PDB file of N, CA and C in Angstrom:
ATOM      1  N   MET A   1      12.173 -16.588  -6.410  1.00  0.00           N
ATOM      2  CA  MET A   1      11.580 -16.031  -4.511  1.00  0.00           C
ATOM      3  C   MET A   1      10.569 -16.268  -4.186  1.00  0.00           C
ATOM      4  N   ALA A   2      10.408 -17.402  -3.353  1.00  0.00           N
ATOM      5  CA  ALA A   2       9.218 -18.109  -2.757  1.00  0.00           C
ATOM      6  C   ALA A   2       9.123 -16.973  -1.982  1.00  0.00           C
ATOM      7  N   ASN A   3       7.345 -16.811  -1.551  1.00  0.00           N
ATOM      8  CA  ASN A   3       6.938 -16.436  -0.671  1.00  0.00           C
ATOM      9  C   ASN A   3       6.827 -17.436   0.812  1.00  0.00           C
ATOM     10  N   ARG A   4       7.265 -16.409   1.458  1.00  0.00           N
ATOM     11  CA  ARG A   4       7.270 -16.762   2.924  1.00  0.00           C
ATOM     12  C   ARG A   4       6.399 -16.124   3.740  1.00  0.00           C
ATOM     13  N   GLU A   5       6.036 -16.970   4.804  1.00  0.00           N
ATOM     14  CA  GLU A   5       4.124 -16.097   5.296  1.00  0.00           C
ATOM     15  C   GLU A   5       5.411 -15.439   6.275  1.00  0.00           C
ATOM     16  N   THR A   6       5.258 -14.168   7.460  1.00  0.00           N
ATOM     17  CA  THR A   6       5.515 -13.718   8.115  1.00  0.00           C
ATOM     18  C   THR A   6       4.445 -13.117   8.375  1.00  0.00           C
ATOM     19  N   GLY A   7       3.633 -13.239  10.028  1.00  0.00           N
ATOM     20  CA  GLY A   7       2.467 -12.833  10.263  1.00  0.00           C
ATOM     21  C   GLY A   7       1.578 -13.556   9.609  1.00  0.00           C
ATOM     22  N   ASN A   8       0.890 -12.189   9.215  1.00  0.00           N
ATOM     23  CA  ASN A   8      -0.316 -11.603   8.345  1.00  0.00           C
ATOM     24  C   ASN A   8      -0.487 -11.882   6.943  1.00  0.00           C
ATOM     25  N   VAL A   9       0.874 -11.236   6.620  1.00  0.00           N
ATOM     26  CA  VAL A   9       1.123 -10.701   4.805  1.00  0.00           C
ATOM     27  C   VAL A   9       2.473 -11.950   4.781  1.00  0.00           C
ATOM     28  N   LEU A  10       2.071 -12.014   3.610  1.00  0.00           N
ATOM     29  CA  LEU A  10       3.115 -12.722   2.578  1.00  0.00           C
ATOM     30  C   LEU A  10       4.547 -12.173   2.382  1.00  0.00           C
ATOM     31  N   ALA A  11       5.217 -11.913   2.803  1.00  0.00           N
ATOM     32  CA  ALA A  11       6.473 -11.419   2.352  1.00  0.00           C
ATOM     33  C   ALA A  11       6.821 -11.795   0.926  1.00  0.00           C
ATOM     34  N   ARG A  12       6.923 -11.226   0.359  1.00  0.00           N
ATOM     35  CA  ARG A  12       7.264 -11.425  -1.208  1.00  0.00           C
ATOM     36  C   ARG A  12       8.918 -11.329  -1.456  1.00  0.00           C
ATOM     37  N   PHE A  13       9.892 -10.922  -0.675  1.00  0.00           N
ATOM     38  CA  PHE A  13      11.054 -10.820  -0.576  1.00  0.00           C
ATOM     39  C   PHE A  13      11.992 -11.560   0.298  1.00  0.00           C
ATOM     40  N   ASN A  14      12.812 -12.548  -0.135  1.00  0.00           N
ATOM     41  CA  ASN A  14      13.737 -12.598   1.368  1.00  0.00           C
ATOM     42  C   ASN A  14      15.008 -12.254   1.246  1.00  0.00           C
ATOM     43  N   VAL A  15      15.708 -11.866   2.029  1.00  0.00           N
ATOM     44  CA  VAL A  15      16.931 -11.953   2.301  1.00  0.00           C
ATOM     45  C   VAL A  15      18.003 -12.056   1.459  1.00  0.00           C
ATOM     46  N   GLY A  16      18.531 -11.094   0.543  1.00  0.00           N
ATOM     47  CA  GLY A  16      19.611 -11.510   0.068  1.00  0.00           C
ATOM     48  C   GLY A  16      18.950 -11.552  -1.614  1.00  0.00           C
ATOM     49  N   ASP A  17      17.754 -11.079  -1.903  1.00  0.00           N
ATOM     50  CA  ASP A  17      17.256 -10.974  -2.939  1.00  0.00           C
ATOM     51  C   ASP A  17      17.516  -9.962  -3.618  1.00  0.00           C
ATOM     52  N   ARG A  18      17.809  -9.712  -4.984  1.00  0.00           N
ATOM     53  CA  ARG A  18      18.132  -8.302  -5.444  1.00  0.00           C
ATOM     54  C   ARG A  18      16.614  -7.547  -5.468  1.00  0.00           C
ATOM     55  N   VAL A  19      16.398  -6.409  -5.547  1.00  0.00           N
ATOM     56  CA  VAL A  19      15.413  -5.340  -6.112  1.00  0.00           C
ATOM     57  C   VAL A  19      15.531  -4.108  -6.722  1.00  0.00           C
ATOM     58  N   ARG A  20      14.517  -3.580  -6.580  1.00  0.00           N
ATOM     59  CA  ARG A  20      14.828  -2.295  -7.817  1.00  0.00           C
ATOM     60  C   ARG A  20      13.723  -1.257  -6.828  1.00  0.00           C
ATOM     61  N   VAL A  21      13.836  -0.233  -6.539  1.00  0.00           N
ATOM     62  CA  VAL A  21      12.574   0.818  -5.640  1.00  0.00           C
ATOM     63  C   VAL A  21      12.513   1.744  -7.139  1.00  0.00           C
ATOM     64  N   LYS A  22      11.200   1.123  -6.912  1.00  0.00           N
ATOM     65  CA  LYS A  22       9.915   1.683  -7.812  1.00  0.00           C
ATOM     66  C   LYS A  22      10.272   3.553  -7.798  1.00  0.00           C
ATOM     67  N   ASP A  23       9.875   4.247  -9.456  1.00  0.00           N
ATOM     68  CA  ASP A  23       9.885   5.471  -9.296  1.00  0.00           C
ATOM     69  C   ASP A  23       8.785   6.039  -9.423  1.00  0.00           C
ATOM     70  N   LEU A  24       7.783   6.278  -7.957  1.00  0.00           N
ATOM     71  CA  LEU A  24       6.749   6.749  -8.056  1.00  0.00           C
ATOM     72  C   LEU A  24       6.402   8.214  -7.901  1.00  0.00           C
ATOM     73  N   PRO A  25       5.851   8.892  -8.266  1.00  0.00           N
ATOM     74  CA  PRO A  25       5.348  10.189  -7.830  1.00  0.00           C
ATOM     75  C   PRO A  25       5.111  10.282  -6.039  1.00  0.00           C
ATOM     76  N   ASN A  26       5.159  11.611  -5.653  1.00  0.00           N
ATOM     77  CA  ASN A  26       4.986  11.892  -4.556  1.00  0.00           C
ATOM     78  C   ASN A  26       3.140  12.683  -4.585  1.00  0.00           C
ATOM     79  N   LEU A  27       2.146  11.585  -4.084  1.00  0.00           N
ATOM     80  CA  LEU A  27       1.282  12.305  -4.714  1.00  0.00           C
ATOM     81  C   LEU A  27       0.540  13.549  -3.030  1.00  0.00           C
ATOM     82  N   PHE A  28       0.504  12.558  -1.981  1.00  0.00           N
ATOM     83  CA  PHE A  28       0.964  12.760  -0.292  1.00  0.00           C
ATOM     84  C   PHE A  28       2.231  13.243   0.582  1.00  0.00           C
ATOM     85  N   TYR A  29       2.436  12.067   0.674  1.00  0.00           N
ATOM     86  CA  TYR A  29       3.378  11.860   1.234  1.00  0.00           C
ATOM     87  C   TYR A  29       4.245  10.950   1.185  1.00  0.00           C
ATOM     88  N   SER A  30       4.839  10.508   1.424  1.00  0.00           N
ATOM     89  CA  SER A  30       5.771   9.412   1.728  1.00  0.00           C
ATOM     90  C   SER A  30       7.143   9.106   1.941  1.00  0.00           C
ATOM     91  N   ARG A  31       7.666   8.096   3.110  1.00  0.00           N
ATOM     92  CA  ARG A  31       8.974   8.284   3.663  1.00  0.00           C
ATOM     93  C   ARG A  31       9.580   7.721   2.282  1.00  0.00           C
ATOM     94  N   THR A  32       9.631   7.161   1.572  1.00  0.00           N
ATOM     95  CA  THR A  32      10.526   6.862   0.430  1.00  0.00           C
ATOM     96  C   THR A  32      11.144   7.628  -0.266  1.00  0.00           C
ATOM     97  N   GLN A  33      12.725   7.566   0.073  1.00  0.00           N
ATOM     98  CA  GLN A  33      13.582   8.888  -0.421  1.00  0.00           C
ATOM     99  C   GLN A  33      13.765   9.139  -2.062  1.00  0.00           C
ATOM    100  N   MET A  34      13.728   9.936  -2.303  1.00  0.00           N
ATOM    101  CA  MET A  34      14.087  10.489  -3.498  1.00  0.00           C
ATOM    102  C   MET A  34      15.018   9.727  -4.161  1.00  0.00           C
ATOM    103  N   TYR A  35      16.203   9.952  -3.727  1.00  0.00           N
ATOM    104  CA  TYR A  35      17.629   9.577  -3.706  1.00  0.00           C
ATOM    105  C   TYR A  35      17.641   8.161  -4.011  1.00  0.00           C
ATOM    106  N   VAL A  36      17.057   6.950  -3.602  1.00  0.00           N
ATOM    107  CA  VAL A  36      16.865   5.431  -4.145  1.00  0.00           C
ATOM    108  C   VAL A  36      15.779   4.905  -4.786  1.00  0.00           C
ATOM    109  N   ARG A  37      14.821   5.908  -5.422  1.00  0.00           N
ATOM    110  CA  ARG A  37      13.863   6.018  -6.341  1.00  0.00           C
ATOM    111  C   ARG A  37      15.125   5.408  -8.122  1.00  0.00           C
ATOM    112  N   GLY A  38      14.570   4.429  -8.210  1.00  0.00           N
ATOM    113  CA  GLY A  38      14.624   3.656  -9.603  1.00  0.00           C
ATOM    114  C   GLY A  38      16.011   2.807  -9.149  1.00  0.00           C
ATOM    115  N   VAL A  39      17.002   3.021  -8.110  1.00  0.00           N
ATOM    116  CA  VAL A  39      18.184   2.131  -7.714  1.00  0.00           C
ATOM    117  C   VAL A  39      17.913   0.818  -7.666  1.00  0.00           C
ATOM    118  N   SER A  40      18.551  -0.139  -7.593  1.00  0.00           N
ATOM    119  CA  SER A  40      18.964  -1.565  -7.335  1.00  0.00           C
ATOM    120  C   SER A  40      19.510  -1.239  -6.067  1.00  0.00           C
ATOM    121  N   GLY A  41      18.967  -2.592  -5.172  1.00  0.00           N
ATOM    122  CA  GLY A  41      19.788  -2.940  -3.710  1.00  0.00           C
ATOM    123  C   GLY A  41      19.190  -4.392  -3.493  1.00  0.00           C
ATOM    124  N   VAL A  42      19.916  -4.880  -2.081  1.00  0.00           N
ATOM    125  CA  VAL A  42      19.605  -5.935  -1.176  1.00  0.00           C
ATOM    126  C   VAL A  42      18.902  -6.126  -0.173  1.00  0.00           C
ATOM    127  N   ILE A  43      17.913  -7.312  -0.102  1.00  0.00           N
ATOM    128  CA  ILE A  43      17.416  -6.963   0.880  1.00  0.00           C
ATOM    129  C   ILE A  43      18.083  -7.538   1.594  1.00  0.00           C
ATOM    130  N   ALA A  44      18.592  -6.494   2.936  1.00  0.00           N
ATOM    131  CA  ALA A  44      19.221  -7.043   4.046  1.00  0.00           C
ATOM    132  C   ALA A  44      18.329  -8.267   5.380  1.00  0.00           C
ATOM    133  N   SER A  45      17.155  -7.202   5.768  1.00  0.00           N
ATOM    134  CA  SER A  45      16.422  -8.093   6.685  1.00  0.00           C
ATOM    135  C   SER A  45      15.034  -7.937   6.670  1.00  0.00           C
ATOM    136  N   ARG A  46      14.151  -8.553   6.794  1.00  0.00           N
ATOM    137  CA  ARG A  46      12.759  -8.172   6.948  1.00  0.00           C
ATOM    138  C   ARG A  46      12.540  -7.928   8.563  1.00  0.00           C
ATOM    139  N   THR A  47      10.901  -6.557   8.590  1.00  0.00           N
ATOM    140  CA  THR A  47      11.446  -5.828  10.037  1.00  0.00           C
ATOM    141  C   THR A  47       9.947  -6.203  10.402  1.00  0.00           C
ATOM    142  N   TYR A  48       9.183  -5.751   9.754  1.00  0.00           N
ATOM    143  CA  TYR A  48       7.423  -6.094  10.330  1.00  0.00           C
ATOM    144  C   TYR A  48       6.923  -5.495   9.381  1.00  0.00           C
ATOM    145  N   GLN A  49       5.449  -5.656   9.711  1.00  0.00           N
ATOM    146  CA  GLN A  49       4.720  -5.502   9.062  1.00  0.00           C
ATOM    147  C   GLN A  49       3.229  -4.316   9.371  1.00  0.00           C
ATOM    148  N   SER A  50       3.084  -3.531   8.618  1.00  0.00           N
ATOM    149  CA  SER A  50       1.988  -2.609   9.182  1.00  0.00           C
ATOM    150  C   SER A  50       2.085  -1.945   7.635  1.00  0.00           C
ATOM    151  N   LEU A  51       0.512  -0.852   8.426  1.00  0.00           N
ATOM    152  CA  LEU A  51       0.504   0.107   7.137  1.00  0.00           C
ATOM    153  C   LEU A  51       1.149   0.889   6.749  1.00  0.00           C
ATOM    154  N   VAL A  52       1.049   1.385   5.291  1.00  0.00           N
ATOM    155  CA  VAL A  52       2.013   2.116   5.047  1.00  0.00           C
ATOM    156  C   VAL A  52       2.003   3.411   5.011  1.00  0.00           C
ATOM    157  N   PRO A  53       2.246   4.379   5.056  1.00  0.00           N
ATOM    158  CA  PRO A  53       2.334   5.958   6.158  1.00  0.00           C
ATOM    159  C   PRO A  53       1.591   6.794   5.206  1.00  0.00           C
ATOM    160  N   GLU A  54       1.679   5.959   4.087  1.00  0.00           N
ATOM    161  CA  GLU A  54       0.258   7.365   3.338  1.00  0.00           C
ATOM    162  C   GLU A  54      -0.938   6.982   3.476  1.00  0.00           C
ATOM    163  N   ASP A  55      -1.403   5.435   3.995  1.00  0.00           N
ATOM    164  CA  ASP A  55      -2.979   4.933   4.078  1.00  0.00           C
ATOM    165  C   ASP A  55      -3.267   5.622   5.686  1.00  0.00           C
ATOM    166  N   GLU A  56      -1.852   5.270   6.637  1.00  0.00           N
ATOM    167  CA  GLU A  56      -2.311   5.869   8.153  1.00  0.00           C
ATOM    168  C   GLU A  56      -2.386   7.238   7.872  1.00  0.00           C
ATOM    169  N   ALA A  57      -2.125   7.934   6.970  1.00  0.00           N
ATOM    170  CA  ALA A  57      -2.207   9.905   6.886  1.00  0.00           C
ATOM    171  C   ALA A  57      -3.839   9.899   6.626  1.00  0.00           C
ATOM    172  N   TRP A  58      -4.287   8.965   5.693  1.00  0.00           N
ATOM    173  CA  TRP A  58      -5.538   9.062   5.383  1.00  0.00           C
ATOM    174  C   TRP A  58      -6.642   8.234   5.752  1.00  0.00           C
ATOM    175  N   ASN A  59      -6.065   7.972   7.443  1.00  0.00           N
ATOM    176  CA  ASN A  59      -7.145   6.877   8.227  1.00  0.00           C
ATOM    177  C   ASN A  59      -7.704   6.013   7.241  1.00  0.00           C
ATOM    178  N   ARG A  60      -6.881   5.209   6.392  1.00  0.00           N
ATOM    179  CA  ARG A  60      -7.326   4.501   5.525  1.00  0.00           C
ATOM    180  C   ARG A  60      -7.219   2.616   5.950  1.00  0.00           C
ATOM    181  N   ASP A  61      -7.802   2.768   7.222  1.00  0.00           N
ATOM    182  CA  ASP A  61      -8.153   1.325   8.020  1.00  0.00           C
ATOM    183  C   ASP A  61      -8.396   0.449   7.035  1.00  0.00           C
ATOM    184  N   GLU A  62      -8.798   0.448   6.430  1.00  0.00           N
ATOM    185  CA  GLU A  62      -8.947  -0.769   5.780  1.00  0.00           C
ATOM    186  C   GLU A  62      -8.346  -1.734   4.994  1.00  0.00           C
ATOM    187  N   ALA A  63      -7.344  -0.296   4.845  1.00  0.00           N
ATOM    188  CA  ALA A  63      -6.311  -1.214   3.738  1.00  0.00           C
ATOM    189  C   ALA A  63      -5.048  -2.116   4.032  1.00  0.00           C
ATOM    190  N   GLN A  64      -4.508  -3.020   3.679  1.00  0.00           N
ATOM    191  CA  GLN A  64      -3.859  -4.344   3.929  1.00  0.00           C
ATOM    192  C   GLN A  64      -2.234  -3.571   4.105  1.00  0.00           C
ATOM    193  N   PRO A  65      -2.238  -4.535   5.354  1.00  0.00           N
ATOM    194  CA  PRO A  65      -0.891  -4.174   5.913  1.00  0.00           C
ATOM    195  C   PRO A  65      -0.083  -4.740   4.822  1.00  0.00           C
ATOM    196  N   GLN A  66       1.296  -3.860   4.736  1.00  0.00           N
ATOM    197  CA  GLN A  66       2.805  -4.478   3.971  1.00  0.00           C
ATOM    198  C   GLN A  66       3.722  -4.471   4.862  1.00  0.00           C
ATOM    199  N   GLN A  67       4.979  -5.691   4.627  1.00  0.00           N
ATOM    200  CA  GLN A  67       5.735  -6.049   4.919  1.00  0.00           C
ATOM    201  C   GLN A  67       6.525  -5.063   4.720  1.00  0.00           C
ATOM    202  N   PHE A  68       7.306  -4.741   5.758  1.00  0.00           N
ATOM    203  CA  PHE A  68       8.531  -3.876   5.574  1.00  0.00           C
ATOM    204  C   PHE A  68      10.548  -4.261   5.174  1.00  0.00           C
ATOM    205  N   TYR A  69      10.999  -3.579   4.830  1.00  0.00           N
ATOM    206  CA  TYR A  69      12.512  -4.409   4.620  1.00  0.00           C
ATOM    207  C   TYR A  69      13.726  -3.378   4.929  1.00  0.00           C
ATOM    208  N   ILE A  70      14.837  -3.929   5.427  1.00  0.00           N
ATOM    209  CA  ILE A  70      15.962  -2.963   5.437  1.00  0.00           C
ATOM    210  C   ILE A  70      16.409  -3.656   4.056  1.00  0.00           C
ATOM    211  N   VAL A  71      16.552  -2.717   3.413  1.00  0.00           N
ATOM    212  CA  VAL A  71      17.615  -2.436   1.920  1.00  0.00           C
ATOM    213  C   VAL A  71      18.609  -1.945   1.886  1.00  0.00           C
ATOM    214  N   ARG A  72      19.550  -2.869   1.396  1.00  0.00           N
ATOM    215  CA  ARG A  72      21.262  -2.388   1.563  1.00  0.00           C
ATOM    216  C   ARG A  72      21.600  -1.909  -0.119  1.00  0.00           C
ATOM    217  N   PHE A  73      22.383  -0.538  -0.439  1.00  0.00           N
ATOM    218  CA  PHE A  73      22.333  -0.044  -1.525  1.00  0.00           C
ATOM    219  C   PHE A  73      23.793   0.690  -1.428  1.00  0.00           C
ATOM    220  N   ARG A  74      24.746   0.047  -2.057  1.00  0.00           N
ATOM    221  CA  ARG A  74      26.151   0.602  -2.346  1.00  0.00           C
ATOM    222  C   ARG A  74      25.895   2.435  -2.411  1.00  0.00           C
ATOM    223  N   GLN A  75      26.867   2.711  -2.107  1.00  0.00           N
ATOM    224  CA  GLN A  75      26.660   4.462  -1.803  1.00  0.00           C
ATOM    225  C   GLN A  75      27.006   5.066  -3.692  1.00  0.00           C
ATOM    226  N   LYS A  76      27.837   4.120  -4.358  1.00  0.00           N
ATOM    227  CA  LYS A  76      28.485   4.680  -5.585  1.00  0.00           C
ATOM    228  C   LYS A  76      26.826   4.415  -6.165  1.00  0.00           C
ATOM    229  N   ASP A  77      25.863   3.405  -5.911  1.00  0.00           N
ATOM    230  CA  ASP A  77      24.606   3.145  -6.326  1.00  0.00           C
ATOM    231  C   ASP A  77      24.407   4.423  -6.583  1.00  0.00           C
ATOM    232  N   LEU A  78      23.958   4.980  -5.810  1.00  0.00           N
ATOM    233  CA  LEU A  78      23.142   6.642  -5.295  1.00  0.00           C
ATOM    234  C   LEU A  78      23.276   7.515  -5.724  1.00  0.00           C
ATOM    235  N   TRP A  79      25.026   7.517  -5.554  1.00  0.00           N
ATOM    236  CA  TRP A  79      25.642   8.943  -5.848  1.00  0.00           C
ATOM    237  C   TRP A  79      26.988   8.906  -7.014  1.00  0.00           C
ATOM    238  N   GLU A  80      27.044   8.925  -8.214  1.00  0.00           N
ATOM    239  CA  GLU A  80      27.694   8.254  -9.127  1.00  0.00           C
ATOM    240  C   GLU A  80      29.019   9.309  -8.617  1.00  0.00           C
ATOM    241  N   GLU A  81      29.275  10.055  -7.893  1.00  0.00           N
ATOM    242  CA  GLU A  81      30.605  10.619  -7.693  1.00  0.00           C
ATOM    243  C   GLU A  81      30.959  10.070  -6.338  1.00  0.00           C
ATOM    244  N   TYR A  82      29.836   9.592  -5.690  1.00  0.00           N
ATOM    245  CA  TYR A  82      30.728   9.395  -4.376  1.00  0.00           C
ATOM    246  C   TYR A  82      32.337   8.477  -4.251  1.00  0.00           C
ATOM    247  N   PRO A  83      33.184   8.928  -3.607  1.00  0.00           N
ATOM    248  CA  PRO A  83      34.174   8.208  -3.988  1.00  0.00           C
ATOM    249  C   PRO A  83      34.733   6.352  -3.563  1.00  0.00           C
ATOM    250  N   PHE A  84      33.876   6.270  -3.077  1.00  0.00           N
ATOM    251  CA  PHE A  84      34.645   4.398  -2.306  1.00  0.00           C
ATOM    252  C   PHE A  84      33.454   3.845  -3.095  1.00  0.00           C
ATOM    253  N   ASP A  85      33.578   2.089  -3.038  1.00  0.00           N
ATOM    254  CA  ASP A  85      32.825   1.403  -3.924  1.00  0.00           C
ATOM    255  C   ASP A  85      32.427   1.118  -3.484  1.00  0.00           C
ATOM    256  N   ASN A  86      32.937   0.113  -1.949  1.00  0.00           N
ATOM    257  CA  ASN A  86      32.115  -1.230  -0.924  1.00  0.00           C
ATOM    258  C   ASN A  86      31.566   0.063  -0.171  1.00  0.00           C
ATOM    259  N   ASP A  87      31.311   1.159   0.229  1.00  0.00           N
ATOM    260  CA  ASP A  87      30.417   1.969   0.875  1.00  0.00           C
ATOM    261  C   ASP A  87      28.919   1.506   0.732  1.00  0.00           C
ATOM    262  N   THR A  88      28.031   0.888   1.734  1.00  0.00           N
ATOM    263  CA  THR A  88      26.728   0.864   1.886  1.00  0.00           C
ATOM    264  C   THR A  88      25.581   1.970   2.467  1.00  0.00           C
ATOM    265  N   LEU A  89      24.550   2.099   1.894  1.00  0.00           N
ATOM    266  CA  LEU A  89      23.479   2.314   2.838  1.00  0.00           C
ATOM    267  C   LEU A  89      22.333   1.926   3.587  1.00  0.00           C
ATOM    268  N   GLN A  90      22.401   1.936   4.092  1.00  0.00           N
ATOM    269  CA  GLN A  90      20.525   0.608   4.126  1.00  0.00           C
ATOM    270  C   GLN A  90      19.318   1.395   4.856  1.00  0.00           C
ATOM    271  N   THR A  91      18.102   1.294   4.144  1.00  0.00           N
ATOM    272  CA  THR A  91      16.933   2.065   4.567  1.00  0.00           C
ATOM    273  C   THR A  91      15.617   1.308   4.299  1.00  0.00           C
ATOM    274  N   GLU A  92      14.933   1.723   5.124  1.00  0.00           N
ATOM    275  CA  GLU A  92      13.393   0.531   5.613  1.00  0.00           C
ATOM    276  C   GLU A  92      12.294   0.920   4.498  1.00  0.00           C
ATOM    277  N   LEU A  93      11.817   0.096   3.962  1.00  0.00           N
ATOM    278  CA  LEU A  93      11.213   0.108   3.052  1.00  0.00           C
ATOM    279  C   LEU A  93       9.961  -0.398   2.425  1.00  0.00           C
ATOM    280  N   PRO A  94       8.314  -0.233   2.661  1.00  0.00           N
ATOM    281  CA  PRO A  94       7.768  -1.525   2.331  1.00  0.00           C
ATOM    282  C   PRO A  94       7.891  -2.019   0.958  1.00  0.00           C
ATOM    283  N   GLU A  95       7.018  -2.781   1.337  1.00  0.00           N
ATOM    284  CA  GLU A  95       6.851  -3.490  -0.375  1.00  0.00           C
ATOM    285  C   GLU A  95       6.649  -3.131  -1.359  1.00  0.00           C
ATOM    286  N   GLY A  96       5.494  -2.659  -1.050  1.00  0.00           N
ATOM    287  CA  GLY A  96       4.708  -1.860  -2.728  1.00  0.00           C
ATOM    288  C   GLY A  96       5.358  -1.100  -3.370  1.00  0.00           C
ATOM    289  N   TRP A  97       6.747  -0.780  -2.238  1.00  0.00           N
ATOM    290  CA  TRP A  97       7.558   0.108  -3.284  1.00  0.00           C
ATOM    291  C   TRP A  97       8.945  -0.803  -3.841  1.00  0.00           C
ATOM    292  N   LEU A  98       8.324  -1.642  -3.919  1.00  0.00           N
ATOM    293  CA  LEU A  98      10.032  -2.723  -4.497  1.00  0.00           C
ATOM    294  C   LEU A  98       9.458  -3.686  -6.155  1.00  0.00           C
ATOM    295  N   GLU A  99      10.100  -3.798  -6.401  1.00  0.00           N
ATOM    296  CA  GLU A  99      10.203  -4.748  -7.689  1.00  0.00           C
ATOM    297  C   GLU A  99      11.495  -5.289  -7.793  1.00  0.00           C
ATOM    298  N   PRO A 100      10.989  -6.723  -8.228  1.00  0.00           N
ATOM    299  CA  PRO A 100      12.378  -7.801  -8.600  1.00  0.00           C
ATOM    300  C   PRO A 100      13.541  -7.078  -9.579  1.00  0.00           C
ATOM    301  N   ALA A 101      14.681  -6.601  -9.078  1.00  0.00           N
ATOM    302  CA  ALA A 101      15.281  -6.334 -10.017  1.00  0.00           C
ATOM    303  C   ALA A 101      15.920  -6.769 -11.018  1.00  0.00           C
ATOM    304  N   THR A 102      16.321  -5.797 -12.396  1.00  0.00           N
ATOM    305  CA  THR A 102      16.715  -6.974 -13.621  1.00  0.00           C
ATOM    306  C   THR A 102      17.975  -6.399 -13.861  1.00  0.00           C
ATOM    307  N   ASP A 103      18.932  -5.915 -13.253  1.00  0.00           N
ATOM    308  CA  ASP A 103      20.140  -5.821 -13.430  1.00  0.00           C
ATOM    309  C   ASP A 103      21.013  -6.424 -12.921  1.00  0.00           C
TER     310      ASP A 103
END
């Protein structure tokens, strides 16, 4: 998993990398959906760099921007009862919510 420079922030993940969404608590606000937490997916693209919404909400202008990614999940991995094996869902997540997948 080579780091690549993308603007001011080193991108930790590359397109095609398998990642897992961290299962962290909501302390105030998060755009990270509950149904993707703890689930593994694949980086579909790198999008932009920005402060995470939590830092913006608390006016933490000194916080470091993070790389955001589009992560693709199999819907069957999100909802066991989902009837189709190959359907996918994509969502945008900041790097701080992602870790390398071990499965």
